[in-house]
Amino acid sequence: MKKIIIAGGTGFIGDYLSHYFKNNGYKVSVISRQAPHIQWTDTEGIANALEGAECLINMAGKSVDCRYNAANKAAILSSRIDTTQQLGEAIKACKNPPKVWMNSSTATIYRHEEALANTESTGILGEGFSVSVAKAWEETFFSFNLPQTRQVALRIAIVLGNAGGAFVPLKNLVKSGLGGQQGNGQQLFSWLHIEDLKNILVFILQNEQLKGAINCVSPNAIQNKTMMQALRKAMHKPFGLPAPKWLLQLGARFINTETELVLKSRWVYPETLLNHGFQFQYPTIELALENLIYKQLLT
């Protein structure tokens, strides 16, 4: 039985992936701070799990949905750098290391962009705290020379799924009548259905020529105002109050988050995936929302 190791496998995305691979014949081991999984402090357990594994997928990292105070900034950075460093050292010590190491990164690594899509070949990296974390994350990941292990940094956009992530609060805004545009509504929203993320990882696993940084994002980014309009339509809510920038800044303090999460214009394009023949199951926001809202009604 082929082994897949998922670090950070108890989160929204990690849990989804864990269930998928288990249901498709893989032996899945999860590294987590939560029992009964392999603990991050269990160096021997991690080494044994990685030995002879088909793939290591690292999704570990503190949520960025918080205020960027000094303590949270330090935790966001260390939770990514330290775990990546630890996994890299563990792989170096393996006699039979994993064939593939996919390490989470973020599409936020690119600059605020409203004029031109960021691809892997032409994209321009941004500035600021979130970008600096992403850069350090990838630098740590690619600092390892692992000739037997193919390395892929997953520049993941905002993932839409019913079990967690950004989609849950967005739906709650629409339900409460606050589902209008945020800010001026012109900022680009790069997104990805969670099932397409799973499909991307399987595609990368099966295509040995894929390595380096890969944009994991739908090919059809949309403006924030269009996204909110589509979500209102899918949820049969004809109206939603808009939230101007000043109100978002005020509200962010009360719910302990940052306005960057909704105001930064993320225009990212999956050039590498499309060039290698990957086909998205949910390429448009309408198809993605129709699927997710319908699934929720069935549960």
C-alpha atoms as a PDB file:
ATOM      1  CA  MET A   1       0.000   0.000   0.000  1.00  0.00           C
ATOM      2  CA  LYS A   2       1.405   3.401  -1.018  1.00  0.00           C
ATOM      3  CA  LYS A   3       1.992   5.856   1.806  1.00  0.00           C
ATOM      4  CA  ILE A   4       1.088   9.541   1.861  1.00  0.00           C
ATOM      5  CA  ILE A   5       2.079  11.770   4.756  1.00  0.00           C
ATOM      6  CA  ILE A   6       0.064  14.916   5.416  1.00  0.00           C
ATOM      7  CA  ALA A   7       1.608  17.441   7.790  1.00  0.00           C
ATOM      8  CA  GLY A   8      -0.984  19.805   9.197  1.00  0.00           C
ATOM      9  CA  GLY A   9      -3.546  17.204   8.209  1.00  0.00           C
ATOM     10  CA  THR A  10      -6.234  18.166  10.712  1.00  0.00           C
ATOM     11  CA  GLY A  11      -7.036  21.553   9.179  1.00  0.00           C
ATOM     12  CA  PHE A  12      -9.734  22.354   6.630  1.00  0.00           C
ATOM     13  CA  ILE A  13      -7.665  21.368   3.577  1.00  0.00           C
ATOM     14  CA  GLY A  14      -5.549  18.668   5.227  1.00  0.00           C
ATOM     15  CA  ASP A  15      -8.605  16.834   6.539  1.00  0.00           C
ATOM     16  CA  TYR A  16     -10.223  16.886   3.085  1.00  0.00           C
ATOM     17  CA  LEU A  17      -7.078  15.465   1.487  1.00  0.00           C
ATOM     18  CA  SER A  18      -6.676  12.842   4.201  1.00  0.00           C
ATOM     19  CA  HIS A  19     -10.163  11.471   3.611  1.00  0.00           C
ATOM     20  CA  TYR A  20      -9.699  11.456  -0.161  1.00  0.00           C
ATOM     21  CA  PHE A  21      -6.427   9.533  -0.156  1.00  0.00           C
ATOM     22  CA  LYS A  22      -7.668   7.050   2.463  1.00  0.00           C
ATOM     23  CA  ASN A  23     -10.735   6.372   0.322  1.00  0.00           C
ATOM     24  CA  ASN A  24      -8.500   5.775  -2.703  1.00  0.00           C
ATOM     25  CA  GLY A  25      -6.277   3.061  -1.321  1.00  0.00           C
ATOM     26  CA  TYR A  26      -3.444   5.018   0.293  1.00  0.00           C
ATOM     27  CA  LYS A  27      -2.117   4.566   3.794  1.00  0.00           C
ATOM     28  CA  VAL A  28      -2.312   8.084   5.203  1.00  0.00           C
ATOM     29  CA  SER A  29      -0.314   9.282   8.202  1.00  0.00           C
ATOM     30  CA  VAL A  30      -0.984  12.717   9.669  1.00  0.00           C
ATOM     31  CA  ILE A  31       1.535  14.907  11.482  1.00  0.00           C
ATOM     32  CA  SER A  32      -0.228  17.247  13.878  1.00  0.00           C
ATOM     33  CA  ARG A  33      -0.225  18.744  17.345  1.00  0.00           C
ATOM     34  CA  GLN A  34      -3.466  16.869  17.941  1.00  0.00           C
ATOM     35  CA  ALA A  35      -3.625  13.301  19.258  1.00  0.00           C
ATOM     36  CA  PRO A  36      -3.760  10.531  18.135  1.00  0.00           C
ATOM     37  CA  HIS A  37      -1.685  11.665  15.146  1.00  0.00           C
ATOM     38  CA  ILE A  38       2.110  11.750  14.889  1.00  0.00           C
ATOM     39  CA  GLN A  39       3.275  14.656  17.034  1.00  0.00           C
ATOM     40  CA  TRP A  40       5.730  17.273  15.785  1.00  0.00           C
ATOM     41  CA  THR A  41       7.902  16.443  18.792  1.00  0.00           C
ATOM     42  CA  ASP A  42       8.082  12.768  17.745  1.00  0.00           C
ATOM     43  CA  THR A  43      11.182  12.922  15.549  1.00  0.00           C
ATOM     44  CA  GLU A  44      11.438   9.143  15.262  1.00  0.00           C
ATOM     45  CA  GLY A  45       7.767   8.785  14.368  1.00  0.00           C
ATOM     46  CA  ILE A  46       8.069  11.384  11.603  1.00  0.00           C
ATOM     47  CA  ALA A  47      11.189   9.699  10.215  1.00  0.00           C
ATOM     48  CA  ASN A  48       9.513   6.269  10.182  1.00  0.00           C
ATOM     49  CA  ALA A  49       6.431   7.668   8.448  1.00  0.00           C
ATOM     50  CA  LEU A  50       8.473   9.391   5.727  1.00  0.00           C
ATOM     51  CA  GLU A  51      10.596   6.331   4.971  1.00  0.00           C
ATOM     52  CA  GLY A  52       9.475   4.904   1.641  1.00  0.00           C
ATOM     53  CA  ALA A  53       6.521   7.279   1.306  1.00  0.00           C
ATOM     54  CA  GLU A  54       5.039   8.104  -2.064  1.00  0.00           C
ATOM     55  CA  CYS A  55       4.434  11.718  -1.142  1.00  0.00           C
ATOM     56  CA  LEU A  56       4.687  14.257   1.673  1.00  0.00           C
ATOM     57  CA  ILE A  57       2.136  17.082   1.640  1.00  0.00           C
ATOM     58  CA  ASN A  58       2.806  19.885   4.107  1.00  0.00           C
ATOM     59  CA  MET A  59      -0.194  22.071   4.977  1.00  0.00           C
ATOM     60  CA  ALA A  60       1.025  23.166   8.421  1.00  0.00           C
ATOM     61  CA  GLY A  61       0.825  26.816   9.465  1.00  0.00           C
ATOM     62  CA  LYS A  62      -1.079  29.128  11.783  1.00  0.00           C
ATOM     63  CA  SER A  63      -4.132  30.753  10.199  1.00  0.00           C
ATOM     64  CA  VAL A  64      -3.559  34.277   8.876  1.00  0.00           C
ATOM     65  CA  ASP A  65      -7.124  35.189   9.865  1.00  0.00           C
ATOM     66  CA  CYS A  66      -5.990  37.201  12.889  1.00  0.00           C
ATOM     67  CA  ARG A  67      -4.641  40.622  13.855  1.00  0.00           C
ATOM     68  CA  TYR A  68      -1.068  41.152  12.744  1.00  0.00           C
ATOM     69  CA  ASN A  69       0.350  42.022  16.149  1.00  0.00           C
ATOM     70  CA  ALA A  70       3.897  41.039  17.094  1.00  0.00           C
ATOM     71  CA  ALA A  71       2.933  37.739  18.720  1.00  0.00           C
ATOM     72  CA  ASN A  72       0.715  36.605  15.860  1.00  0.00           C
ATOM     73  CA  LYS A  73       3.271  37.646  13.240  1.00  0.00           C
ATOM     74  CA  ALA A  74       5.934  35.580  14.976  1.00  0.00           C
ATOM     75  CA  ALA A  75       3.617  32.575  15.235  1.00  0.00           C
ATOM     76  CA  ILE A  76       2.533  32.821  11.576  1.00  0.00           C
ATOM     77  CA  LEU A  77       6.154  32.878  10.429  1.00  0.00           C
ATOM     78  CA  SER A  78       7.559  30.224  12.774  1.00  0.00           C
ATOM     79  CA  SER A  79       4.684  27.799  12.213  1.00  0.00           C
ATOM     80  CA  ARG A  80       5.624  27.717   8.525  1.00  0.00           C
ATOM     81  CA  ILE A  81       9.400  28.002   8.610  1.00  0.00           C
ATOM     82  CA  ASP A  82      10.036  25.646  11.533  1.00  0.00           C
ATOM     83  CA  THR A  83       7.802  22.842  10.256  1.00  0.00           C
ATOM     84  CA  THR A  84       9.236  23.075   6.737  1.00  0.00           C
ATOM     85  CA  GLN A  85      12.768  23.002   8.141  1.00  0.00           C
ATOM     86  CA  GLN A  86      11.954  20.022  10.333  1.00  0.00           C
ATOM     87  CA  LEU A  87      10.446  18.062   7.448  1.00  0.00           C
ATOM     88  CA  GLY A  88      13.381  18.838   5.168  1.00  0.00           C
ATOM     89  CA  GLU A  89      15.860  17.570   7.747  1.00  0.00           C
ATOM     90  CA  ALA A  90      13.769  14.423   8.239  1.00  0.00           C
ATOM     91  CA  ILE A  91      13.757  13.727   4.503  1.00  0.00           C
ATOM     92  CA  LYS A  92      17.550  14.168   4.323  1.00  0.00           C
ATOM     93  CA  ALA A  93      17.892  11.452   6.962  1.00  0.00           C
ATOM     94  CA  CYS A  94      15.733   8.934   5.053  1.00  0.00           C
ATOM     95  CA  LYS A  95      17.286   5.963   3.286  1.00  0.00           C
ATOM     96  CA  ASN A  96      14.263   5.862   0.990  1.00  0.00           C
ATOM     97  CA  PRO A  97      12.894   9.426   1.023  1.00  0.00           C
ATOM     98  CA  PRO A  98       9.462  10.430  -0.302  1.00  0.00           C
ATOM     99  CA  LYS A  99       9.297  10.637  -4.090  1.00  0.00           C
ATOM    100  CA  VAL A 100       7.483  13.979  -3.943  1.00  0.00           C
ATOM    101  CA  TRP A 101       7.355  16.766  -1.366  1.00  0.00           C
ATOM    102  CA  MET A 102       4.540  19.263  -1.903  1.00  0.00           C
ATOM    103  CA  ASN A 103       4.834  22.207   0.459  1.00  0.00           C
ATOM    104  CA  SER A 104       2.062  24.716   0.892  1.00  0.00           C
ATOM    105  CA  SER A 105       2.787  28.296  -0.122  1.00  0.00           C
ATOM    106  CA  THR A 106       0.383  31.080  -1.043  1.00  0.00           C
ATOM    107  CA  ALA A 107      -0.785  33.051  -4.064  1.00  0.00           C
ATOM    108  CA  THR A 108      -0.474  36.099  -1.797  1.00  0.00           C
ATOM    109  CA  ILE A 109       3.243  36.055  -2.633  1.00  0.00           C
ATOM    110  CA  TYR A 110       2.421  38.178  -5.694  1.00  0.00           C
ATOM    111  CA  ARG A 111       1.886  41.933  -5.534  1.00  0.00           C
ATOM    112  CA  HIS A 112      -1.462  43.745  -5.438  1.00  0.00           C
ATOM    113  CA  GLU A 113      -2.459  43.589  -9.108  1.00  0.00           C
ATOM    114  CA  GLU A 114      -5.434  44.907 -11.071  1.00  0.00           C
ATOM    115  CA  ALA A 115      -3.943  45.256 -14.564  1.00  0.00           C
ATOM    116  CA  LEU A 116      -2.247  41.949 -15.428  1.00  0.00           C
ATOM    117  CA  ALA A 117      -2.452  38.367 -14.184  1.00  0.00           C
ATOM    118  CA  ASN A 118       0.521  36.959 -12.282  1.00  0.00           C
ATOM    119  CA  THR A 119       1.831  33.719 -13.791  1.00  0.00           C
ATOM    120  CA  GLU A 120       4.771  31.647 -12.578  1.00  0.00           C
ATOM    121  CA  SER A 121       6.932  33.009 -15.408  1.00  0.00           C
ATOM    122  CA  THR A 122       5.869  36.680 -15.444  1.00  0.00           C
ATOM    123  CA  GLY A 123       4.440  37.302 -11.971  1.00  0.00           C
ATOM    124  CA  ILE A 124       5.898  40.059  -9.790  1.00  0.00           C
ATOM    125  CA  LEU A 125       6.359  39.326  -6.108  1.00  0.00           C
ATOM    126  CA  GLY A 126       4.945  41.859  -3.683  1.00  0.00           C
ATOM    127  CA  GLU A 127       5.996  43.550  -0.446  1.00  0.00           C
ATOM    128  CA  GLY A 128       4.714  43.604   3.116  1.00  0.00           C
ATOM    129  CA  PHE A 129       4.327  41.142   5.960  1.00  0.00           C
ATOM    130  CA  SER A 130       2.303  38.421   4.195  1.00  0.00           C
ATOM    131  CA  VAL A 131       4.613  38.446   1.195  1.00  0.00           C
ATOM    132  CA  SER A 132       7.718  38.330   3.379  1.00  0.00           C
ATOM    133  CA  VAL A 133       6.334  35.242   5.109  1.00  0.00           C
ATOM    134  CA  ALA A 134       5.628  33.576   1.757  1.00  0.00           C
ATOM    135  CA  LYS A 135       9.120  34.381   0.458  1.00  0.00           C
ATOM    136  CA  ALA A 136      10.805  33.028   3.592  1.00  0.00           C
ATOM    137  CA  TRP A 137       8.598  29.927   3.448  1.00  0.00           C
ATOM    138  CA  GLU A 138       9.622  29.116  -0.114  1.00  0.00           C
ATOM    139  CA  GLU A 139      13.275  29.987   0.512  1.00  0.00           C
ATOM    140  CA  THR A 140      13.356  27.514   3.397  1.00  0.00           C
ATOM    141  CA  PHE A 141      11.651  24.859   1.280  1.00  0.00           C
ATOM    142  CA  PHE A 142      13.941  25.213  -1.738  1.00  0.00           C
ATOM    143  CA  SER A 143      17.080  25.493   0.396  1.00  0.00           C
ATOM    144  CA  PHE A 144      17.068  21.690   0.650  1.00  0.00           C
ATOM    145  CA  ASN A 145      18.985  19.754  -1.984  1.00  0.00           C
ATOM    146  CA  LEU A 146      17.035  16.506  -2.245  1.00  0.00           C
ATOM    147  CA  PRO A 147      18.050  14.637  -5.412  1.00  0.00           C
ATOM    148  CA  GLN A 148      15.631  11.751  -4.783  1.00  0.00           C
ATOM    149  CA  THR A 149      12.642  13.938  -3.924  1.00  0.00           C
ATOM    150  CA  ARG A 150      10.765  16.147  -6.362  1.00  0.00           C
ATOM    151  CA  GLN A 151       9.828  19.451  -4.700  1.00  0.00           C
ATOM    152  CA  VAL A 152       6.730  21.524  -5.486  1.00  0.00           C
ATOM    153  CA  ALA A 153       5.718  24.768  -3.752  1.00  0.00           C
ATOM    154  CA  LEU A 154       1.938  25.104  -3.924  1.00  0.00           C
ATOM    155  CA  ARG A 155       1.010  28.767  -4.400  1.00  0.00           C
ATOM    156  CA  ILE A 156      -2.565  28.241  -3.307  1.00  0.00           C
ATOM    157  CA  ALA A 157      -5.279  30.868  -3.789  1.00  0.00           C
ATOM    158  CA  ILE A 158      -8.316  31.238  -1.512  1.00  0.00           C
ATOM    159  CA  VAL A 159      -9.857  27.767  -1.326  1.00  0.00           C
ATOM    160  CA  LEU A 160     -13.648  27.466  -1.396  1.00  0.00           C
ATOM    161  CA  GLY A 161     -15.229  24.608   0.540  1.00  0.00           C
ATOM    162  CA  ASN A 162     -18.118  24.174   2.945  1.00  0.00           C
ATOM    163  CA  ALA A 163     -16.080  22.780   5.837  1.00  0.00           C
ATOM    164  CA  GLY A 164     -13.932  25.841   6.539  1.00  0.00           C
ATOM    165  CA  GLY A 165     -11.717  28.550   5.128  1.00  0.00           C
ATOM    166  CA  ALA A 166     -12.898  31.870   3.722  1.00  0.00           C
ATOM    167  CA  PHE A 167     -16.117  30.532   2.188  1.00  0.00           C
ATOM    168  CA  VAL A 168     -17.889  30.099   5.534  1.00  0.00           C
ATOM    169  CA  PRO A 169     -17.684  33.774   6.643  1.00  0.00           C
ATOM    170  CA  LEU A 170     -18.547  34.916   3.103  1.00  0.00           C
ATOM    171  CA  LYS A 171     -21.759  32.868   3.219  1.00  0.00           C
ATOM    172  CA  ASN A 172     -22.549  34.234   6.662  1.00  0.00           C
ATOM    173  CA  LEU A 173     -22.224  37.790   5.347  1.00  0.00           C
ATOM    174  CA  VAL A 174     -24.712  37.043   2.575  1.00  0.00           C
ATOM    175  CA  LYS A 175     -27.131  35.358   4.989  1.00  0.00           C
ATOM    176  CA  SER A 176     -27.080  38.400   7.263  1.00  0.00           C
ATOM    177  CA  GLY A 177     -27.735  40.848   4.419  1.00  0.00           C
ATOM    178  CA  LEU A 178     -24.170  42.205   4.397  1.00  0.00           C
ATOM    179  CA  GLY A 179     -23.074  40.469   1.218  1.00  0.00           C
ATOM    180  CA  GLY A 180     -22.375  43.510  -0.917  1.00  0.00           C
ATOM    181  CA  GLN A 181     -19.042  44.527  -2.405  1.00  0.00           C
ATOM    182  CA  GLN A 182     -16.128  45.107  -0.052  1.00  0.00           C
ATOM    183  CA  GLY A 183     -14.146  48.291  -0.490  1.00  0.00           C
ATOM    184  CA  ASN A 184     -14.534  49.560  -4.059  1.00  0.00           C
ATOM    185  CA  GLY A 185     -15.231  45.990  -5.198  1.00  0.00           C
ATOM    186  CA  GLN A 186     -12.701  46.185  -8.036  1.00  0.00           C
ATOM    187  CA  GLN A 187      -9.994  44.099  -6.355  1.00  0.00           C
ATOM    188  CA  LEU A 188      -9.448  40.722  -8.051  1.00  0.00           C
ATOM    189  CA  PHE A 189     -10.449  37.588  -6.192  1.00  0.00           C
ATOM    190  CA  SER A 190      -8.344  34.539  -7.106  1.00  0.00           C
ATOM    191  CA  TRP A 191      -9.968  31.386  -5.832  1.00  0.00           C
ATOM    192  CA  LEU A 192     -10.070  27.587  -6.150  1.00  0.00           C
ATOM    193  CA  HIS A 193     -12.697  24.936  -5.442  1.00  0.00           C
ATOM    194  CA  ILE A 194     -11.340  22.492  -2.864  1.00  0.00           C
ATOM    195  CA  GLU A 195     -12.038  19.559  -5.178  1.00  0.00           C
ATOM    196  CA  ASP A 196      -9.886  21.158  -7.873  1.00  0.00           C
ATOM    197  CA  LEU A 197      -7.112  21.608  -5.319  1.00  0.00           C
ATOM    198  CA  LYS A 198      -7.275  17.888  -4.606  1.00  0.00           C
ATOM    199  CA  ASN A 199      -7.261  17.184  -8.343  1.00  0.00           C
ATOM    200  CA  ILE A 200      -4.205  19.429  -8.773  1.00  0.00           C
ATOM    201  CA  LEU A 201      -2.259  17.529  -6.118  1.00  0.00           C
ATOM    202  CA  VAL A 202      -3.131  14.207  -7.744  1.00  0.00           C
ATOM    203  CA  PHE A 203      -2.088  15.655 -11.125  1.00  0.00           C
ATOM    204  CA  ILE A 204       1.254  16.805  -9.712  1.00  0.00           C
ATOM    205  CA  LEU A 205       1.760  13.398  -8.112  1.00  0.00           C
ATOM    206  CA  GLN A 206       1.213  11.683 -11.464  1.00  0.00           C
ATOM    207  CA  ASN A 207       3.289  14.068 -13.621  1.00  0.00           C
ATOM    208  CA  GLU A 208       6.973  13.820 -12.764  1.00  0.00           C
ATOM    209  CA  GLN A 209       7.955  16.819 -14.898  1.00  0.00           C
ATOM    210  CA  LEU A 210       6.109  19.192 -12.559  1.00  0.00           C
ATOM    211  CA  LYS A 211       8.348  20.830  -9.973  1.00  0.00           C
ATOM    212  CA  GLY A 212       9.168  24.240  -8.524  1.00  0.00           C
ATOM    213  CA  ALA A 213       6.520  26.848  -7.689  1.00  0.00           C
ATOM    214  CA  ILE A 214       3.068  26.162  -9.136  1.00  0.00           C
ATOM    215  CA  ASN A 215       0.032  28.459  -9.030  1.00  0.00           C
ATOM    216  CA  CYS A 216      -2.912  26.520  -7.615  1.00  0.00           C
ATOM    217  CA  VAL A 217      -5.795  28.742  -8.659  1.00  0.00           C
ATOM    218  CA  SER A 218      -8.811  28.813 -10.974  1.00  0.00           C
ATOM    219  CA  PRO A 219      -8.036  30.320 -14.402  1.00  0.00           C
ATOM    220  CA  ASN A 220     -10.889  32.798 -13.943  1.00  0.00           C
ATOM    221  CA  ALA A 221     -10.205  35.389 -11.264  1.00  0.00           C
ATOM    222  CA  ILE A 222     -13.111  37.789 -10.727  1.00  0.00           C
ATOM    223  CA  GLN A 223     -13.657  41.170  -9.134  1.00  0.00           C
ATOM    224  CA  ASN A 224     -14.831  41.217  -5.537  1.00  0.00           C
ATOM    225  CA  LYS A 225     -18.147  42.826  -6.489  1.00  0.00           C
ATOM    226  CA  THR A 226     -18.761  40.086  -9.084  1.00  0.00           C
ATOM    227  CA  MET A 227     -17.906  37.385  -6.568  1.00  0.00           C
ATOM    228  CA  MET A 228     -20.341  38.751  -3.991  1.00  0.00           C
ATOM    229  CA  GLN A 229     -23.041  39.171  -6.644  1.00  0.00           C
ATOM    230  CA  ALA A 230     -22.596  35.552  -7.769  1.00  0.00           C
ATOM    231  CA  LEU A 231     -22.732  34.321  -4.174  1.00  0.00           C
ATOM    232  CA  ARG A 232     -25.918  36.298  -3.464  1.00  0.00           C
ATOM    233  CA  LYS A 233     -27.484  34.824  -6.599  1.00  0.00           C
ATOM    234  CA  ALA A 234     -26.491  31.265  -5.640  1.00  0.00           C
ATOM    235  CA  MET A 235     -27.943  31.762  -2.148  1.00  0.00           C
ATOM    236  CA  HIS A 236     -31.105  33.490  -3.461  1.00  0.00           C
ATOM    237  CA  LYS A 237     -30.366  36.751  -1.661  1.00  0.00           C
ATOM    238  CA  PRO A 238     -31.235  39.660  -3.969  1.00  0.00           C
ATOM    239  CA  PHE A 239     -29.567  42.360  -1.882  1.00  0.00           C
ATOM    240  CA  GLY A 240     -26.444  42.829   0.214  1.00  0.00           C
ATOM    241  CA  LEU A 241     -25.180  45.950   1.939  1.00  0.00           C
ATOM    242  CA  PRO A 242     -21.717  47.043   0.724  1.00  0.00           C
ATOM    243  CA  ALA A 243     -18.847  47.498   3.165  1.00  0.00           C
ATOM    244  CA  PRO A 244     -16.658  50.544   2.426  1.00  0.00           C
ATOM    245  CA  LYS A 245     -12.980  50.437   3.330  1.00  0.00           C
ATOM    246  CA  TRP A 246     -13.366  52.516   6.512  1.00  0.00           C
ATOM    247  CA  LEU A 247     -16.062  50.177   7.805  1.00  0.00           C
ATOM    248  CA  LEU A 248     -13.948  47.103   7.036  1.00  0.00           C
ATOM    249  CA  GLN A 249     -11.030  48.622   8.932  1.00  0.00           C
ATOM    250  CA  LEU A 250     -13.258  49.276  11.920  1.00  0.00           C
ATOM    251  CA  GLY A 251     -14.887  45.846  11.793  1.00  0.00           C
ATOM    252  CA  ALA A 252     -11.559  44.040  11.430  1.00  0.00           C
ATOM    253  CA  ARG A 253     -10.545  45.253  14.876  1.00  0.00           C
ATOM    254  CA  PHE A 254     -13.679  43.770  16.440  1.00  0.00           C
ATOM    255  CA  ILE A 255     -13.377  40.346  14.813  1.00  0.00           C
ATOM    256  CA  ASN A 256      -9.591  40.133  15.153  1.00  0.00           C
ATOM    257  CA  THR A 257      -8.617  39.984  11.499  1.00  0.00           C
ATOM    258  CA  GLU A 258      -6.961  42.157   8.829  1.00  0.00           C
ATOM    259  CA  THR A 259      -8.541  44.004   5.899  1.00  0.00           C
ATOM    260  CA  GLU A 260      -5.758  42.762   3.604  1.00  0.00           C
ATOM    261  CA  LEU A 261      -7.579  39.438   3.411  1.00  0.00           C
ATOM    262  CA  VAL A 262     -10.410  41.054   1.411  1.00  0.00           C
ATOM    263  CA  LEU A 263      -8.909  44.270  -0.001  1.00  0.00           C
ATOM    264  CA  LYS A 264      -5.716  42.994  -1.633  1.00  0.00           C
ATOM    265  CA  SER A 265      -6.193  42.435  -5.357  1.00  0.00           C
ATOM    266  CA  ARG A 266      -4.994  38.903  -6.060  1.00  0.00           C
ATOM    267  CA  TRP A 267      -4.864  38.230  -9.803  1.00  0.00           C
ATOM    268  CA  VAL A 268      -3.103  34.911 -10.266  1.00  0.00           C
ATOM    269  CA  TYR A 269      -3.191  32.590 -13.287  1.00  0.00           C
ATOM    270  CA  PRO A 270      -2.361  28.822 -13.424  1.00  0.00           C
ATOM    271  CA  GLU A 271      -0.031  28.970 -16.420  1.00  0.00           C
ATOM    272  CA  THR A 272       2.013  25.862 -15.554  1.00  0.00           C
ATOM    273  CA  LEU A 273      -0.985  23.620 -14.886  1.00  0.00           C
ATOM    274  CA  LEU A 274      -2.765  24.645 -18.088  1.00  0.00           C
ATOM    275  CA  ASN A 275       0.397  24.259 -20.165  1.00  0.00           C
ATOM    276  CA  HIS A 276       0.677  20.672 -18.917  1.00  0.00           C
ATOM    277  CA  GLY A 277      -2.930  19.810 -19.746  1.00  0.00           C
ATOM    278  CA  PHE A 278      -4.663  20.068 -16.382  1.00  0.00           C
ATOM    279  CA  GLN A 279      -8.440  20.458 -16.685  1.00  0.00           C
ATOM    280  CA  PHE A 280     -10.405  22.228 -13.980  1.00  0.00           C
ATOM    281  CA  GLN A 281     -13.635  20.650 -12.819  1.00  0.00           C
ATOM    282  CA  TYR A 282     -14.892  24.033 -11.579  1.00  0.00           C
ATOM    283  CA  PRO A 283     -13.235  26.692 -13.773  1.00  0.00           C
ATOM    284  CA  THR A 284     -15.872  29.411 -13.180  1.00  0.00           C
ATOM    285  CA  ILE A 285     -17.242  30.843  -9.964  1.00  0.00           C
ATOM    286  CA  GLU A 286     -20.791  30.020 -11.073  1.00  0.00           C
ATOM    287  CA  LEU A 287     -20.012  26.303 -11.368  1.00  0.00           C
ATOM    288  CA  ALA A 288     -18.123  26.288  -8.082  1.00  0.00           C
ATOM    289  CA  LEU A 289     -20.871  28.060  -6.135  1.00  0.00           C
ATOM    290  CA  GLU A 290     -23.610  25.943  -7.680  1.00  0.00           C
ATOM    291  CA  ASN A 291     -21.794  22.806  -6.508  1.00  0.00           C
ATOM    292  CA  LEU A 292     -20.978  24.055  -3.018  1.00  0.00           C
ATOM    293  CA  ILE A 293     -24.370  25.564  -2.236  1.00  0.00           C
ATOM    294  CA  TYR A 294     -26.160  22.456  -3.583  1.00  0.00           C
ATOM    295  CA  LYS A 295     -23.965  20.168  -1.470  1.00  0.00           C
ATOM    296  CA  GLN A 296     -24.749  22.228   1.618  1.00  0.00           C
ATOM    297  CA  LEU A 297     -28.489  21.911   0.990  1.00  0.00           C
ATOM    298  CA  LEU A 298     -28.119  18.121   0.906  1.00  0.00           C
ATOM    299  CA  THR A 299     -26.421  17.978   4.326  1.00  0.00           C
END
